[in-house]
Amino acid sequence: MKNKLGVDPPIRLLREKQVRELVPFAHSTLWAMVSRGQFPSPVRLGERMVAWRSTDIEEFIKSLEPTHKFDALQKSMGEQT
């Protein structure tokens, strides 16, 4: 994904706390969405450490349309719990 200058920005790795600052999901909701394939999977950095590619999170956010799609996502989450 190129920036305004036509250059690919460096990919950053984001820990869960950083991801949750970008998307309004609680810890359990985030992991439930990952397990259902509704949110990007993290990459494993170690035995007990994972992180998300910044580009994956940016694409997820861009994929969300205005409120009606987010409401549908919340509704589907409520029905599956």
Protein backbone atom coordinates (compact mmCIF):
# COMPACT_ATOMS: atom_id res chain seq x y z
CA MET A 1 0.00 0.00 0.00
CA LYS A 2 1.71 3.13 -1.22
CA ASN A 3 1.52 6.48 0.51
CA LYS A 4 0.76 9.79 -1.20
CA LEU A 5 4.29 9.95 -2.54
CA GLY A 6 3.96 6.51 -4.16
CA VAL A 7 6.32 4.87 -1.67
CA ASP A 8 5.55 1.80 0.42
CA PRO A 9 5.71 2.78 4.11
CA PRO A 10 7.64 0.46 6.40
CA ILE A 11 5.56 -2.29 7.99
CA ARG A 12 5.39 -1.93 11.76
CA LEU A 13 4.50 -4.69 14.15
CA LEU A 14 1.83 -3.74 16.67
CA ARG A 15 1.27 -5.43 20.01
CA GLU A 16 -2.28 -6.03 21.26
CA LYS A 17 -2.41 -2.83 23.30
CA GLN A 18 -1.47 -0.79 20.23
CA VAL A 19 -4.04 -2.60 18.09
CA ARG A 20 -6.76 -1.98 20.66
CA GLU A 21 -5.94 1.74 20.57
CA LEU A 22 -6.86 1.66 16.86
CA VAL A 23 -9.98 -0.52 17.02
CA PRO A 24 -12.63 -0.42 19.78
CA PHE A 25 -12.54 -4.08 20.81
CA ALA A 26 -11.98 -5.63 24.21
CA HIS A 27 -9.32 -8.33 24.59
CA SER A 28 -11.82 -11.21 24.46
CA THR A 29 -13.71 -9.72 21.50
CA LEU A 30 -10.50 -9.22 19.55
CA TRP A 31 -9.42 -12.83 20.02
CA ALA A 32 -12.91 -14.17 19.28
CA MET A 33 -12.88 -12.23 16.00
CA VAL A 34 -9.43 -13.61 15.15
CA SER A 35 -10.61 -17.18 15.76
CA ARG A 36 -13.67 -16.62 13.53
CA GLY A 37 -11.60 -15.05 10.75
CA GLN A 38 -13.25 -11.64 11.18
CA PHE A 39 -10.01 -9.91 12.19
CA PRO A 40 -6.46 -10.34 10.89
CA SER A 41 -4.39 -13.05 12.55
CA PRO A 42 -1.26 -11.96 14.38
CA VAL A 43 2.21 -13.21 13.59
CA ARG A 44 4.07 -15.19 16.23
CA LEU A 45 7.26 -13.50 17.45
CA GLY A 46 8.09 -15.99 20.17
CA GLU A 47 6.58 -18.71 22.30
CA ARG A 48 4.36 -16.24 24.16
CA MET A 49 4.51 -13.14 21.97
CA VAL A 50 2.41 -12.13 18.98
CA ALA A 51 1.99 -8.93 17.02
CA TRP A 52 -0.07 -7.69 14.09
CA ARG A 53 1.30 -6.21 10.88
CA SER A 54 0.31 -2.55 10.73
CA THR A 55 -0.73 -3.00 7.11
CA ASP A 56 -3.19 -5.76 8.07
CA ILE A 57 -4.81 -3.51 10.68
CA GLU A 58 -4.95 -0.57 8.26
CA GLU A 59 -6.65 -2.76 5.65
CA PHE A 60 -9.16 -4.02 8.23
CA ILE A 61 -10.05 -0.46 9.21
CA LYS A 62 -10.38 0.59 5.56
CA SER A 63 -12.66 -2.39 4.91
CA LEU A 64 -15.17 -1.10 7.43
CA GLU A 65 -17.86 0.97 5.84
CA PRO A 66 -19.84 3.60 7.68
CA THR A 67 -21.82 2.64 10.76
CA HIS A 68 -24.18 0.10 9.18
CA LYS A 69 -21.38 -2.42 8.50
CA PHE A 70 -19.94 -2.00 12.00
CA ASP A 71 -23.41 -2.49 13.48
CA ALA A 72 -23.82 -5.68 11.46
CA LEU A 73 -20.47 -6.92 12.74
CA GLN A 74 -21.50 -6.23 16.34
CA LYS A 75 -24.83 -7.96 15.76
CA SER A 76 -23.16 -11.06 14.34
CA MET A 77 -20.78 -11.11 17.31
CA GLY A 78 -23.71 -10.99 19.74
CA GLU A 79 -25.50 -13.83 17.99
CA GLN A 80 -22.45 -16.10 18.07
CA THR A 81 -21.61 -15.71 21.77
